[in-house]
Amino acid sequence: MRLLRLAVETQNWDLAAHTIVLATAIILKNRVRPNAKRKARKRSPKG
């Protein structure tokens, strides 16, 4: 996030906004369900 810090320090708001949007898109693209493993373990039979 060095790019975002640089954009804010230089008050380049267009660059800051684009950086935030890009970071959000990357997170959403690579996102897996955080509770998927936890739910799978609960459903598995014991023993």
N, C-alpha and C. Protein backbone atom coordinates (compact mmCIF):
# COMPACT_ATOMS: atom_id res chain seq x y z
N MET A 1 0.80 -1.20 0.00
CA MET A 1 0.00 0.00 0.00
C MET A 1 0.85 1.27 0.00
N ARG A 2 2.08 1.14 -0.44
CA ARG A 2 2.94 2.33 -0.52
C ARG A 2 2.39 3.33 -1.52
N LEU A 3 1.76 2.82 -2.57
CA LEU A 3 1.20 3.70 -3.59
C LEU A 3 0.08 4.57 -3.00
N LEU A 4 -0.74 3.98 -2.15
CA LEU A 4 -1.82 4.74 -1.53
C LEU A 4 -1.25 5.82 -0.61
N ARG A 5 -0.23 5.49 0.15
CA ARG A 5 0.39 6.48 1.04
C ARG A 5 0.96 7.64 0.23
N LEU A 6 1.64 7.33 -0.86
CA LEU A 6 2.20 8.36 -1.73
C LEU A 6 1.11 9.24 -2.31
N ALA A 7 0.02 8.62 -2.74
CA ALA A 7 -1.09 9.39 -3.33
C ALA A 7 -1.70 10.34 -2.31
N VAL A 8 -1.86 9.87 -1.08
CA VAL A 8 -2.45 10.73 -0.05
C VAL A 8 -1.50 11.85 0.34
N GLU A 9 -0.21 11.53 0.48
CA GLU A 9 0.76 12.56 0.86
C GLU A 9 0.86 13.67 -0.18
N THR A 10 0.75 13.31 -1.45
CA THR A 10 0.83 14.31 -2.51
C THR A 10 -0.54 14.87 -2.88
N GLN A 11 -1.57 14.42 -2.14
CA GLN A 11 -2.96 14.84 -2.36
C GLN A 11 -3.40 14.60 -3.79
N ASN A 12 -3.00 13.47 -4.33
CA ASN A 12 -3.43 13.05 -5.66
C ASN A 12 -4.63 12.12 -5.46
N TRP A 13 -5.81 12.70 -5.37
CA TRP A 13 -6.99 11.95 -4.95
C TRP A 13 -7.46 10.97 -6.01
N ASP A 14 -7.23 11.27 -7.29
CA ASP A 14 -7.60 10.32 -8.35
C ASP A 14 -6.78 9.04 -8.21
N LEU A 15 -5.49 9.18 -7.98
CA LEU A 15 -4.63 8.01 -7.81
C LEU A 15 -5.01 7.24 -6.55
N ALA A 16 -5.34 7.95 -5.49
CA ALA A 16 -5.74 7.28 -4.25
C ALA A 16 -7.02 6.48 -4.46
N ALA A 17 -7.98 7.05 -5.14
CA ALA A 17 -9.24 6.35 -5.40
C ALA A 17 -9.02 5.13 -6.28
N HIS A 18 -8.22 5.26 -7.31
CA HIS A 18 -7.95 4.13 -8.19
C HIS A 18 -7.20 3.02 -7.45
N THR A 19 -6.31 3.41 -6.55
CA THR A 19 -5.57 2.41 -5.78
C THR A 19 -6.51 1.63 -4.87
N ILE A 20 -7.44 2.31 -4.25
CA ILE A 20 -8.40 1.64 -3.37
C ILE A 20 -9.29 0.69 -4.18
N VAL A 21 -9.75 1.14 -5.32
CA VAL A 21 -10.60 0.29 -6.17
C VAL A 21 -9.82 -0.93 -6.65
N LEU A 22 -8.58 -0.74 -7.05
CA LEU A 22 -7.77 -1.86 -7.51
C LEU A 22 -7.53 -2.87 -6.39
N ALA A 23 -7.21 -2.38 -5.21
CA ALA A 23 -6.97 -3.28 -4.08
C ALA A 23 -8.24 -4.06 -3.73
N THR A 24 -9.38 -3.39 -3.76
CA THR A 24 -10.65 -4.06 -3.47
C THR A 24 -10.95 -5.13 -4.52
N ALA A 25 -10.71 -4.82 -5.79
CA ALA A 25 -10.96 -5.80 -6.85
C ALA A 25 -10.07 -7.02 -6.70
N ILE A 26 -8.82 -6.82 -6.34
CA ILE A 26 -7.90 -7.95 -6.14
C ILE A 26 -8.36 -8.81 -4.98
N ILE A 27 -8.77 -8.18 -3.89
CA ILE A 27 -9.24 -8.93 -2.73
C ILE A 27 -10.50 -9.74 -3.08
N LEU A 28 -11.43 -9.12 -3.76
CA LEU A 28 -12.67 -9.82 -4.11
C LEU A 28 -12.42 -10.95 -5.11
N LYS A 29 -11.49 -10.76 -6.01
CA LYS A 29 -11.18 -11.79 -7.01
C LYS A 29 -10.56 -13.02 -6.35
N ASN A 30 -9.68 -12.82 -5.39
CA ASN A 30 -8.96 -13.91 -4.76
C ASN A 30 -9.64 -14.43 -3.50
N ARG A 31 -10.79 -13.88 -3.19
CA ARG A 31 -11.46 -14.23 -1.93
C ARG A 31 -12.07 -15.63 -1.98
N VAL A 32 -11.81 -16.36 -0.94
CA VAL A 32 -12.48 -17.63 -0.73
C VAL A 32 -13.34 -17.48 0.51
N ARG A 33 -14.33 -18.31 0.64
CA ARG A 33 -15.20 -18.18 1.80
C ARG A 33 -14.40 -18.46 3.06
N PRO A 34 -14.31 -17.50 3.96
CA PRO A 34 -13.46 -17.66 5.14
C PRO A 34 -13.93 -18.76 6.08
N ASN A 35 -15.21 -19.07 6.09
CA ASN A 35 -15.73 -20.08 7.01
C ASN A 35 -15.94 -21.43 6.33
N ALA A 36 -15.51 -21.59 5.10
CA ALA A 36 -15.76 -22.83 4.37
C ALA A 36 -15.10 -24.02 5.07
N LYS A 37 -13.86 -23.89 5.50
CA LYS A 37 -13.17 -24.99 6.16
C LYS A 37 -13.81 -25.30 7.50
N ARG A 38 -14.18 -24.27 8.22
CA ARG A 38 -14.77 -24.46 9.54
C ARG A 38 -16.10 -25.21 9.43
N LYS A 39 -16.94 -24.84 8.45
CA LYS A 39 -18.23 -25.50 8.28
C LYS A 39 -18.03 -26.95 7.82
N ALA A 40 -17.06 -27.18 6.96
CA ALA A 40 -16.80 -28.53 6.47
C ALA A 40 -16.39 -29.44 7.62
N ARG A 41 -15.63 -28.93 8.55
CA ARG A 41 -15.19 -29.74 9.70
C ARG A 41 -16.38 -30.09 10.59
N LYS A 42 -17.30 -29.17 10.76
CA LYS A 42 -18.46 -29.42 11.61
C LYS A 42 -19.35 -30.50 11.01
N ARG A 43 -19.48 -30.53 9.71
CA ARG A 43 -20.36 -31.49 9.06
C ARG A 43 -19.78 -32.89 8.97
N SER A 44 -18.46 -33.01 9.09
CA SER A 44 -17.84 -34.32 8.95
C SER A 44 -18.16 -35.19 10.15
N PRO A 45 -18.39 -36.47 9.92
CA PRO A 45 -18.71 -37.38 11.03
C PRO A 45 -17.52 -37.63 11.93
N LYS A 46 -17.78 -37.82 13.19
CA LYS A 46 -16.69 -38.09 14.14
C LYS A 46 -16.33 -39.56 14.11
N GLY A 47 -15.05 -39.83 14.37
CA GLY A 47 -14.63 -41.22 14.49
C GLY A 47 -13.93 -41.68 13.34
